[in-house]
Amino acid sequence: KDEAAFDRAEFSRLFSRVRSECSSVVLDAEKKRPLFSKDGASAVAK
């Protein structure tokens, strides 16, 4: 409980990670041959 103070840097890192992961999914859906999906339709669904 003494160490449980809010860490703004940790919050910032977490938010940056969410943004990065979401961006990679969105960019993948725009590709003709997605890296993280079998085809374009499943990339768009993701």
All heavy atoms as atom14 arrays in JSON, in Angstrom:
{
  "sequence": "KDEAAFDRAEFSRLFSRVRSECSSVVLDAEKKRPLFSKDGASAVAK",
  "atom14_mask": [
    [1, 1, 1, 1, 1, 1, 1, 1, 1, 0, 0, 0, 0, 0],
    [1, 1, 1, 1, 1, 1, 1, 1, 0, 0, 0, 0, 0, 0],
    [1, 1, 1, 1, 1, 1, 1, 1, 1, 0, 0, 0, 0, 0],
    [1, 1, 1, 1, 1, 0, 0, 0, 0, 0, 0, 0, 0, 0],
    [1, 1, 1, 1, 1, 0, 0, 0, 0, 0, 0, 0, 0, 0],
    [1, 1, 1, 1, 1, 1, 1, 1, 1, 1, 1, 0, 0, 0],
    [1, 1, 1, 1, 1, 1, 1, 1, 0, 0, 0, 0, 0, 0],
    [1, 1, 1, 1, 1, 1, 1, 1, 1, 1, 1, 0, 0, 0],
    [1, 1, 1, 1, 1, 0, 0, 0, 0, 0, 0, 0, 0, 0],
    [1, 1, 1, 1, 1, 1, 1, 1, 1, 0, 0, 0, 0, 0],
    [1, 1, 1, 1, 1, 1, 1, 1, 1, 1, 1, 0, 0, 0],
    [1, 1, 1, 1, 1, 1, 0, 0, 0, 0, 0, 0, 0, 0],
    [1, 1, 1, 1, 1, 1, 1, 1, 1, 1, 1, 0, 0, 0],
    [1, 1, 1, 1, 1, 1, 1, 1, 0, 0, 0, 0, 0, 0],
    [1, 1, 1, 1, 1, 1, 1, 1, 1, 1, 1, 0, 0, 0],
    [1, 1, 1, 1, 1, 1, 0, 0, 0, 0, 0, 0, 0, 0],
    [1, 1, 1, 1, 1, 1, 1, 1, 1, 1, 1, 0, 0, 0],
    [1, 1, 1, 1, 1, 1, 1, 0, 0, 0, 0, 0, 0, 0],
    [1, 1, 1, 1, 1, 1, 1, 1, 1, 1, 1, 0, 0, 0],
    [1, 1, 1, 1, 1, 1, 0, 0, 0, 0, 0, 0, 0, 0],
    [1, 1, 1, 1, 1, 1, 1, 1, 1, 0, 0, 0, 0, 0],
    [1, 1, 1, 1, 1, 1, 0, 0, 0, 0, 0, 0, 0, 0],
    [1, 1, 1, 1, 1, 1, 0, 0, 0, 0, 0, 0, 0, 0],
    [1, 1, 1, 1, 1, 1, 0, 0, 0, 0, 0, 0, 0, 0],
    [1, 1, 1, 1, 1, 1, 1, 0, 0, 0, 0, 0, 0, 0],
    [1, 1, 1, 1, 1, 1, 1, 0, 0, 0, 0, 0, 0, 0],
    [1, 1, 1, 1, 1, 1, 1, 1, 0, 0, 0, 0, 0, 0],
    [1, 1, 1, 1, 1, 1, 1, 1, 0, 0, 0, 0, 0, 0],
    [1, 1, 1, 1, 1, 0, 0, 0, 0, 0, 0, 0, 0, 0],
    [1, 1, 1, 1, 1, 1, 1, 1, 1, 0, 0, 0, 0, 0],
    [1, 1, 1, 1, 1, 1, 1, 1, 1, 0, 0, 0, 0, 0],
    [1, 1, 1, 1, 1, 1, 1, 1, 1, 0, 0, 0, 0, 0],
    [1, 1, 1, 1, 1, 1, 1, 1, 1, 1, 1, 0, 0, 0],
    [1, 1, 1, 1, 1, 1, 1, 0, 0, 0, 0, 0, 0, 0],
    [1, 1, 1, 1, 1, 1, 1, 1, 0, 0, 0, 0, 0, 0],
    [1, 1, 1, 1, 1, 1, 1, 1, 1, 1, 1, 0, 0, 0],
    [1, 1, 1, 1, 1, 1, 0, 0, 0, 0, 0, 0, 0, 0],
    [1, 1, 1, 1, 1, 1, 1, 1, 1, 0, 0, 0, 0, 0],
    [1, 1, 1, 1, 1, 1, 1, 1, 0, 0, 0, 0, 0, 0],
    [1, 1, 1, 1, 0, 0, 0, 0, 0, 0, 0, 0, 0, 0],
    [1, 1, 1, 1, 1, 0, 0, 0, 0, 0, 0, 0, 0, 0],
    [1, 1, 1, 1, 1, 1, 0, 0, 0, 0, 0, 0, 0, 0],
    [1, 1, 1, 1, 1, 0, 0, 0, 0, 0, 0, 0, 0, 0],
    [1, 1, 1, 1, 1, 1, 1, 0, 0, 0, 0, 0, 0, 0],
    [1, 1, 1, 1, 1, 0, 0, 0, 0, 0, 0, 0, 0, 0],
    [1, 1, 1, 1, 1, 1, 1, 1, 1, 0, 0, 0, 0, 0]
  ],
  "atom14_positions": [
    [[0.82, -1.21, 0.0], [0.0, 0.0, 0.0], [0.86, 1.26, 0.0], [0.46, 2.27, -0.54], [-0.95, -0.01, 1.18], [-1.99, -1.1, 1.06], [-3.11, -0.9, 2.03], [-4.06, -2.07, 1.9], [-5.37, -1.69, 1.55], [0.0, 0.0, 0.0], [0.0, 0.0, 0.0], [0.0, 0.0, 0.0], [0.0, 0.0, 0.0], [0.0, 0.0, 0.0]],
    [[2.06, 1.2, 0.59], [2.94, 2.36, 0.6], [3.46, 2.66, -0.81], [3.69, 3.81, -1.16], [4.13, 2.15, 1.53], [3.67, 2.03, 2.98], [2.6, 2.57, 3.31], [4.4, 1.41, 3.77], [0.0, 0.0, 0.0], [0.0, 0.0, 0.0], [0.0, 0.0, 0.0], [0.0, 0.0, 0.0], [0.0, 0.0, 0.0], [0.0, 0.0, 0.0]],
    [[3.67, 1.64, -1.62], [4.22, 1.8, -2.95], [3.15, 1.97, -4.02], [3.47, 2.15, -5.18], [5.07, 0.58, -3.32], [6.26, 0.36, -2.42], [6.96, -0.94, -2.77], [6.51, -1.64, -3.7], [7.95, -1.26, -2.12], [0.0, 0.0, 0.0], [0.0, 0.0, 0.0], [0.0, 0.0, 0.0], [0.0, 0.0, 0.0], [0.0, 0.0, 0.0]],
    [[1.89, 1.91, -3.65], [0.8, 1.88, -4.63], [0.45, 3.26, -5.18], [-0.64, 3.44, -5.69], [-0.43, 1.22, -4.01], [0.0, 0.0, 0.0], [0.0, 0.0, 0.0], [0.0, 0.0, 0.0], [0.0, 0.0, 0.0], [0.0, 0.0, 0.0], [0.0, 0.0, 0.0], [0.0, 0.0, 0.0], [0.0, 0.0, 0.0], [0.0, 0.0, 0.0]],
    [[1.34, 4.21, -5.13], [1.07, 5.54, -5.68], [0.93, 5.44, -7.2], [1.53, 4.58, -7.84], [2.21, 6.49, -5.32], [0.0, 0.0, 0.0], [0.0, 0.0, 0.0], [0.0, 0.0, 0.0], [0.0, 0.0, 0.0], [0.0, 0.0, 0.0], [0.0, 0.0, 0.0], [0.0, 0.0, 0.0], [0.0, 0.0, 0.0], [0.0, 0.0, 0.0]],
    [[0.15, 6.34, -7.75], [-0.09, 6.34, -9.19], [1.21, 6.67, -9.94], [1.91, 7.61, -9.6], [-1.16, 7.37, -9.54], [-1.46, 7.45, -11.0], [-2.2, 6.46, -11.61], [-1.0, 8.5, -11.76], [-2.48, 6.51, -12.96], [-1.28, 8.57, -13.12], [-2.01, 7.57, -13.71], [0.0, 0.0, 0.0], [0.0, 0.0, 0.0], [0.0, 0.0, 0.0]],
    [[1.51, 5.86, -10.94], [2.71, 6.06, -11.74], [2.31, 6.55, -13.12], [1.83, 5.79, -13.96], [3.49, 4.74, -11.83], [4.8, 4.88, -12.57], [5.2, 6.02, -12.87], [5.43, 3.84, -12.83], [0.0, 0.0, 0.0], [0.0, 0.0, 0.0], [0.0, 0.0, 0.0], [0.0, 0.0, 0.0], [0.0, 0.0, 0.0], [0.0, 0.0, 0.0]],
    [[2.49, 7.84, -13.36], [2.1, 8.44, -14.63], [2.89, 7.85, -15.8], [2.36, 7.67, -16.9], [2.31, 9.95, -14.58], [1.79, 10.67, -15.78], [1.95, 12.17, -15.62], [1.03, 12.72, -14.65], [-0.2, 13.15, -14.96], [-0.63, 13.09, -16.19], [-0.98, 13.66, -14.04], [0.0, 0.0, 0.0], [0.0, 0.0, 0.0], [0.0, 0.0, 0.0]],
    [[4.15, 7.5, -15.58], [4.97, 6.93, -16.65], [4.44, 5.55, -17.06], [4.39, 5.23, -18.25], [6.43, 6.82, -16.21], [0.0, 0.0, 0.0], [0.0, 0.0, 0.0], [0.0, 0.0, 0.0], [0.0, 0.0, 0.0], [0.0, 0.0, 0.0], [0.0, 0.0, 0.0], [0.0, 0.0, 0.0], [0.0, 0.0, 0.0], [0.0, 0.0, 0.0]],
    [[4.01, 4.76, -16.1], [3.45, 3.44, -16.41], [2.15, 3.6, -17.19], [1.89, 2.86, -18.14], [3.2, 2.66, -15.12], [2.64, 1.28, -15.35], [3.6, 0.35, -16.06], [4.83, 0.54, -15.96], [3.13, -0.58, -16.74], [0.0, 0.0, 0.0], [0.0, 0.0, 0.0], [0.0, 0.0, 0.0], [0.0, 0.0, 0.0], [0.0, 0.0, 0.0]],
    [[1.33, 4.57, -16.81], [0.09, 4.85, -17.53], [0.4, 5.24, -18.98], [-0.24, 4.77, -19.91], [-0.68, 5.96, -16.83], [-1.92, 6.37, -17.54], [-3.07, 5.62, -17.45], [-1.95, 7.52, -18.32], [-4.23, 5.99, -18.12], [-3.1, 7.91, -18.98], [-4.23, 7.14, -18.88], [0.0, 0.0, 0.0], [0.0, 0.0, 0.0], [0.0, 0.0, 0.0]],
    [[1.39, 6.08, -19.16], [1.77, 6.53, -20.49], [2.27, 5.36, -21.34], [1.91, 5.24, -22.52], [2.85, 7.6, -20.39], [3.23, 8.05, -21.66], [0.0, 0.0, 0.0], [0.0, 0.0, 0.0], [0.0, 0.0, 0.0], [0.0, 0.0, 0.0], [0.0, 0.0, 0.0], [0.0, 0.0, 0.0], [0.0, 0.0, 0.0], [0.0, 0.0, 0.0]],
    [[3.08, 4.48, -20.76], [3.58, 3.31, -21.5], [2.43, 2.4, -21.89], [2.39, 1.88, -23.02], [4.59, 2.54, -20.65], [5.96, 3.15, -20.61], [6.97, 2.21, -19.96], [6.68, 2.0, -18.55], [7.13, 2.77, -17.55], [7.88, 3.81, -17.83], [6.84, 2.51, -16.31], [0.0, 0.0, 0.0], [0.0, 0.0, 0.0], [0.0, 0.0, 0.0]],
    [[1.5, 2.19, -20.98], [0.36, 1.33, -21.27], [-0.5, 1.91, -22.39], [-0.89, 1.19, -23.31], [-0.47, 1.14, -20.0], [-1.67, 0.21, -20.11], [-1.23, -1.2, -20.47], [-2.43, 0.21, -18.8], [0.0, 0.0, 0.0], [0.0, 0.0, 0.0], [0.0, 0.0, 0.0], [0.0, 0.0, 0.0], [0.0, 0.0, 0.0], [0.0, 0.0, 0.0]],
    [[-0.75, 3.19, -22.34], [-1.54, 3.84, -23.37], [-0.83, 3.79, -24.72], [-1.45, 3.55, -25.76], [-1.83, 5.29, -22.97], [-2.89, 5.93, -23.81], [-4.22, 5.65, -23.61], [-2.53, 6.81, -24.81], [-5.2, 6.25, -24.39], [-3.49, 7.4, -25.61], [-4.83, 7.12, -25.39], [0.0, 0.0, 0.0], [0.0, 0.0, 0.0], [0.0, 0.0, 0.0]],
    [[0.48, 3.98, -24.71], [1.26, 3.89, -25.95], [1.2, 2.49, -26.54], [1.13, 2.32, -27.76], [2.71, 4.29, -25.7], [2.8, 5.64, -25.37], [0.0, 0.0, 0.0], [0.0, 0.0, 0.0], [0.0, 0.0, 0.0], [0.0, 0.0, 0.0], [0.0, 0.0, 0.0], [0.0, 0.0, 0.0], [0.0, 0.0, 0.0], [0.0, 0.0, 0.0]],
    [[1.23, 1.5, -25.68], [1.15, 0.11, -26.17], [-0.2, -0.17, -26.8], [-0.29, -0.8, -27.86], [1.42, -0.86, -25.03], [1.43, -2.27, -25.49], [1.85, -3.24, -24.43], [1.72, -4.59, -24.95], [1.44, -5.63, -24.21], [1.32, -5.51, -22.92], [1.31, -6.81, -24.76], [0.0, 0.0, 0.0], [0.0, 0.0, 0.0], [0.0, 0.0, 0.0]],
    [[-1.26, 0.31, -26.16], [-2.61, 0.13, -26.73], [-2.69, 0.79, -28.09], [-3.19, 0.2, -29.06], [-3.69, 0.7, -25.77], [-5.04, 0.78, -26.46], [-3.79, -0.14, -24.52], [0.0, 0.0, 0.0], [0.0, 0.0, 0.0], [0.0, 0.0, 0.0], [0.0, 0.0, 0.0], [0.0, 0.0, 0.0], [0.0, 0.0, 0.0], [0.0, 0.0, 0.0]],
    [[-2.17, 1.99, -28.19], [-2.19, 2.71, -29.46], [-1.4, 1.96, -30.53], [-1.85, 1.83, -31.68], [-1.62, 4.11, -29.27], [-1.67, 4.93, -30.51], [-1.18, 6.33, -30.26], [-1.29, 7.1, -31.48], [-0.66, 8.21, -31.7], [0.13, 8.72, -30.78], [-0.8, 8.85, -32.83], [0.0, 0.0, 0.0], [0.0, 0.0, 0.0], [0.0, 0.0, 0.0]],
    [[-0.24, 1.45, -30.17], [0.59, 0.73, -31.13], [-0.09, -0.55, -31.61], [-0.1, -0.84, -32.81], [1.94, 0.39, -30.48], [2.7, -0.43, -31.32], [0.0, 0.0, 0.0], [0.0, 0.0, 0.0], [0.0, 0.0, 0.0], [0.0, 0.0, 0.0], [0.0, 0.0, 0.0], [0.0, 0.0, 0.0], [0.0, 0.0, 0.0], [0.0, 0.0, 0.0]],
    [[-0.65, -1.3, -30.69], [-1.31, -2.56, -31.06], [-2.53, -2.29, -31.94], [-2.75, -2.99, -32.93], [-1.72, -3.34, -29.8], [-0.56, -3.83, -28.96], [0.29, -4.86, -29.67], [-0.21, -5.58, -30.56], [1.48, -4.95, -29.32], [0.0, 0.0, 0.0], [0.0, 0.0, 0.0], [0.0, 0.0, 0.0], [0.0, 0.0, 0.0], [0.0, 0.0, 0.0]],
    [[-3.31, -1.29, -31.59], [-4.49, -0.96, -32.4], [-4.07, -0.48, -33.79], [-4.69, -0.84, -34.79], [-5.33, 0.09, -31.7], [-6.13, -0.52, -30.21], [0.0, 0.0, 0.0], [0.0, 0.0, 0.0], [0.0, 0.0, 0.0], [0.0, 0.0, 0.0], [0.0, 0.0, 0.0], [0.0, 0.0, 0.0], [0.0, 0.0, 0.0], [0.0, 0.0, 0.0]],
    [[-3.02, 0.32, -33.84], [-2.54, 0.82, -35.14], [-2.09, -0.32, -36.03], [-2.36, -0.31, -37.24], [-1.39, 1.79, -34.93], [-1.83, 2.95, -34.3], [0.0, 0.0, 0.0], [0.0, 0.0, 0.0], [0.0, 0.0, 0.0], [0.0, 0.0, 0.0], [0.0, 0.0, 0.0], [0.0, 0.0, 0.0], [0.0, 0.0, 0.0], [0.0, 0.0, 0.0]],
    [[-1.41, -1.31, -35.46], [-0.95, -2.42, -36.28], [-2.12, -3.22, -36.85], [-2.08, -3.67, -37.99], [0.01, -3.32, -35.51], [-0.65, -3.96, -34.44], [0.0, 0.0, 0.0], [0.0, 0.0, 0.0], [0.0, 0.0, 0.0], [0.0, 0.0, 0.0], [0.0, 0.0, 0.0], [0.0, 0.0, 0.0], [0.0, 0.0, 0.0], [0.0, 0.0, 0.0]],
    [[-3.19, -3.37, -36.07], [-4.37, -4.09, -36.56], [-5.05, -3.29, -37.67], [-5.46, -3.84, -38.7], [-5.35, -4.39, -35.4], [-6.66, -4.93, -35.93], [-4.73, -5.37, -34.43], [0.0, 0.0, 0.0], [0.0, 0.0, 0.0], [0.0, 0.0, 0.0], [0.0, 0.0, 0.0], [0.0, 0.0, 0.0], [0.0, 0.0, 0.0], [0.0, 0.0, 0.0]],
    [[-5.16, -1.97, -37.48], [-5.81, -1.12, -38.49], [-4.99, -1.11, -39.78], [-5.54, -1.24, -40.88], [-6.01, 0.31, -37.94], [-6.44, 1.25, -39.05], [-7.04, 0.29, -36.83], [0.0, 0.0, 0.0], [0.0, 0.0, 0.0], [0.0, 0.0, 0.0], [0.0, 0.0, 0.0], [0.0, 0.0, 0.0], [0.0, 0.0, 0.0], [0.0, 0.0, 0.0]],
    [[-3.69, -0.96, -39.67], [-2.83, -0.97, -40.85], [-2.87, -2.31, -41.57], [-2.83, -2.38, -42.79], [-1.4, -0.61, -40.47], [-1.16, 0.83, -40.04], [0.27, 1.0, -39.54], [-1.45, 1.78, -41.17], [0.0, 0.0, 0.0], [0.0, 0.0, 0.0], [0.0, 0.0, 0.0], [0.0, 0.0, 0.0], [0.0, 0.0, 0.0], [0.0, 0.0, 0.0]],
    [[-2.93, -3.39, -40.8], [-2.99, -4.72, -41.38], [-4.26, -4.91, -42.21], [-4.24, -5.57, -43.25], [-2.9, -5.78, -40.28], [-2.49, -7.13, -40.8], [-1.5, -7.19, -41.57], [-3.12, -8.13, -40.42], [0.0, 0.0, 0.0], [0.0, 0.0, 0.0], [0.0, 0.0, 0.0], [0.0, 0.0, 0.0], [0.0, 0.0, 0.0], [0.0, 0.0, 0.0]],
    [[-5.36, -4.32, -41.75], [-6.63, -4.44, -42.47], [-6.6, -3.7, -43.8], [-7.38, -4.01, -44.7], [-7.77, -3.93, -41.6], [0.0, 0.0, 0.0], [0.0, 0.0, 0.0], [0.0, 0.0, 0.0], [0.0, 0.0, 0.0], [0.0, 0.0, 0.0], [0.0, 0.0, 0.0], [0.0, 0.0, 0.0], [0.0, 0.0, 0.0], [0.0, 0.0, 0.0]],
    [[-5.7, -2.73, -43.94], [-5.62, -1.95, -45.18], [-4.73, -2.62, -46.23], [-4.74, -2.2, -47.38], [-5.08, -0.56, -44.86], [-6.01, 0.26, -43.98], [-5.41, 1.56, -43.54], [-4.19, 1.79, -43.77], [-6.14, 2.37, -42.94], [0.0, 0.0, 0.0], [0.0, 0.0, 0.0], [0.0, 0.0, 0.0], [0.0, 0.0, 0.0], [0.0, 0.0, 0.0]],
    [[-3.98, -3.65, -45.84], [-3.06, -4.31, -46.78], [-3.79, -5.32, -47.65], [-4.78, -5.92, -47.25], [-1.96, -5.03, -46.0], [-1.06, -4.09, -45.24], [-0.02, -4.88, -44.5], [0.89, -3.95, -43.72], [1.89, -4.71, -42.95], [0.0, 0.0, 0.0], [0.0, 0.0, 0.0], [0.0, 0.0, 0.0], [0.0, 0.0, 0.0], [0.0, 0.0, 0.0]],
    [[-3.25, -5.54, -48.84], [-3.8, -6.57, -49.72], [-3.49, -7.96, -49.18], [-4.3, -8.87, -49.3], [-3.21, -6.43, -51.13], [-3.7, -5.22, -51.87], [-3.14, -5.17, -53.26], [-3.64, -3.95, -54.0], [-3.11, -3.86, -55.34], [0.0, 0.0, 0.0], [0.0, 0.0, 0.0], [0.0, 0.0, 0.0], [0.0, 0.0, 0.0], [0.0, 0.0, 0.0]],
    [[-2.31, -8.1, -48.59], [-1.91, -9.38, -47.99], [-1.55, -9.13, -46.53], [-0.4, -8.87, -46.19], [-0.72, -9.96, -48.75], [-1.08, -10.31, -50.18], [0.09, -10.86, -50.93], [0.56, -12.09, -50.32], [1.72, -12.66, -50.59], [2.54, -12.09, -51.45], [2.08, -13.77, -50.0], [0.0, 0.0, 0.0], [0.0, 0.0, 0.0], [0.0, 0.0, 0.0]],
    [[-2.54, -9.22, -45.63], [-2.3, -8.93, -44.22], [-1.32, -9.91, -43.58], [-1.25, -11.08, -43.97], [-3.68, -9.05, -43.57], [-4.62, -9.39, -44.64], [-3.9, -9.57, -45.91], [0.0, 0.0, 0.0], [0.0, 0.0, 0.0], [0.0, 0.0, 0.0], [0.0, 0.0, 0.0], [0.0, 0.0, 0.0], [0.0, 0.0, 0.0], [0.0, 0.0, 0.0]],
    [[-0.57, -9.42, -42.6], [0.4, -10.26, -41.9], [-0.24, -11.07, -40.77], [0.2, -12.18, -40.48], [1.51, -9.39, -41.31], [2.37, -8.62, -42.3], [3.32, -7.69, -41.55], [3.15, -9.58, -43.17], [0.0, 0.0, 0.0], [0.0, 0.0, 0.0], [0.0, 0.0, 0.0], [0.0, 0.0, 0.0], [0.0, 0.0, 0.0], [0.0, 0.0, 0.0]],
    [[-1.25, -10.52, -40.11], [-1.82, -11.14, -38.93], [-3.13, -11.87, -39.18], [-3.78, -12.3, -38.24], [-2.03, -10.08, -37.84], [-0.78, -9.33, -37.5], [-0.66, -7.99, -37.81], [0.29, -9.96, -36.9], [0.49, -7.28, -37.5], [1.45, -9.27, -36.58], [1.55, -7.93, -36.89], [0.0, 0.0, 0.0], [0.0, 0.0, 0.0], [0.0, 0.0, 0.0]],
    [[-3.53, -11.99, -40.44], [-4.79, -12.65, -40.79], [-4.61, -13.51, -42.03], [-3.66, -13.32, -42.79], [-5.88, -11.61, -41.05], [-6.06, -10.79, -39.93], [0.0, 0.0, 0.0], [0.0, 0.0, 0.0], [0.0, 0.0, 0.0], [0.0, 0.0, 0.0], [0.0, 0.0, 0.0], [0.0, 0.0, 0.0], [0.0, 0.0, 0.0], [0.0, 0.0, 0.0]],
    [[-5.55, -14.42, -42.24], [-5.49, -15.29, -43.41], [-5.79, -14.53, -44.7], [-5.2, -14.8, -45.74], [-6.48, -16.44, -43.26], [-6.14, -17.39, -42.15], [-7.18, -18.49, -42.05], [-6.88, -19.4, -40.88], [-7.91, -20.42, -40.72], [0.0, 0.0, 0.0], [0.0, 0.0, 0.0], [0.0, 0.0, 0.0], [0.0, 0.0, 0.0], [0.0, 0.0, 0.0]],
    [[-6.73, -13.6, -44.6], [-7.12, -12.83, -45.78], [-7.6, -11.44, -45.37], [-7.65, -11.12, -44.18], [-8.2, -13.57, -46.57], [-9.42, -13.9, -45.74], [-9.55, -13.37, -44.62], [-10.26, -14.68, -46.22], [0.0, 0.0, 0.0], [0.0, 0.0, 0.0], [0.0, 0.0, 0.0], [0.0, 0.0, 0.0], [0.0, 0.0, 0.0], [0.0, 0.0, 0.0]],
    [[-7.94, -10.64, -46.36], [-8.37, -9.27, -46.09], [-9.66, -9.19, -45.29], [-9.82, -8.31, -44.45], [0.0, 0.0, 0.0], [0.0, 0.0, 0.0], [0.0, 0.0, 0.0], [0.0, 0.0, 0.0], [0.0, 0.0, 0.0], [0.0, 0.0, 0.0], [0.0, 0.0, 0.0], [0.0, 0.0, 0.0], [0.0, 0.0, 0.0], [0.0, 0.0, 0.0]],
    [[-10.57, -10.11, -45.54], [-11.85, -10.09, -44.84], [-11.68, -10.34, -43.35], [-12.3, -9.67, -42.51], [-12.8, -11.12, -45.45], [0.0, 0.0, 0.0], [0.0, 0.0, 0.0], [0.0, 0.0, 0.0], [0.0, 0.0, 0.0], [0.0, 0.0, 0.0], [0.0, 0.0, 0.0], [0.0, 0.0, 0.0], [0.0, 0.0, 0.0], [0.0, 0.0, 0.0]],
    [[-10.83, -11.29, -43.0], [-10.62, -11.56, -41.57], [-9.83, -10.42, -40.91], [-10.03, -10.12, -39.74], [-9.91, -12.89, -41.36], [-8.63, -12.89, -41.96], [0.0, 0.0, 0.0], [0.0, 0.0, 0.0], [0.0, 0.0, 0.0], [0.0, 0.0, 0.0], [0.0, 0.0, 0.0], [0.0, 0.0, 0.0], [0.0, 0.0, 0.0], [0.0, 0.0, 0.0]],
    [[-8.96, -9.76, -41.67], [-8.23, -8.6, -41.13], [-9.2, -7.45, -40.85], [-9.09, -6.78, -39.82], [-7.15, -8.15, -42.1], [0.0, 0.0, 0.0], [0.0, 0.0, 0.0], [0.0, 0.0, 0.0], [0.0, 0.0, 0.0], [0.0, 0.0, 0.0], [0.0, 0.0, 0.0], [0.0, 0.0, 0.0], [0.0, 0.0, 0.0], [0.0, 0.0, 0.0]],
    [[-10.15, -7.23, -41.74], [-11.16, -6.2, -41.53], [-12.04, -6.56, -40.33], [-12.4, -5.69, -39.53], [-12.0, -5.99, -42.81], [-13.21, -5.12, -42.55], [-11.13, -5.39, -43.9], [0.0, 0.0, 0.0], [0.0, 0.0, 0.0], [0.0, 0.0, 0.0], [0.0, 0.0, 0.0], [0.0, 0.0, 0.0], [0.0, 0.0, 0.0], [0.0, 0.0, 0.0]],
    [[-12.38, -7.84, -40.19], [-13.18, -8.28, -39.05], [-12.43, -8.05, -37.73], [-13.03, -7.61, -36.74], [-13.55, -9.75, -39.2], [0.0, 0.0, 0.0], [0.0, 0.0, 0.0], [0.0, 0.0, 0.0], [0.0, 0.0, 0.0], [0.0, 0.0, 0.0], [0.0, 0.0, 0.0], [0.0, 0.0, 0.0], [0.0, 0.0, 0.0], [0.0, 0.0, 0.0]],
    [[-11.12, -8.31, -37.73], [-10.32, -8.05, -36.53], [-10.28, -6.57, -36.22], [-10.4, -6.16, -35.06], [-8.89, -8.57, -36.72], [-8.76, -10.06, -36.61], [-7.3, -10.47, -36.77], [-7.16, -11.97, -36.75], [-5.75, -12.37, -36.87], [0.0, 0.0, 0.0], [0.0, 0.0, 0.0], [0.0, 0.0, 0.0], [0.0, 0.0, 0.0], [0.0, 0.0, 0.0]]
  ]
}
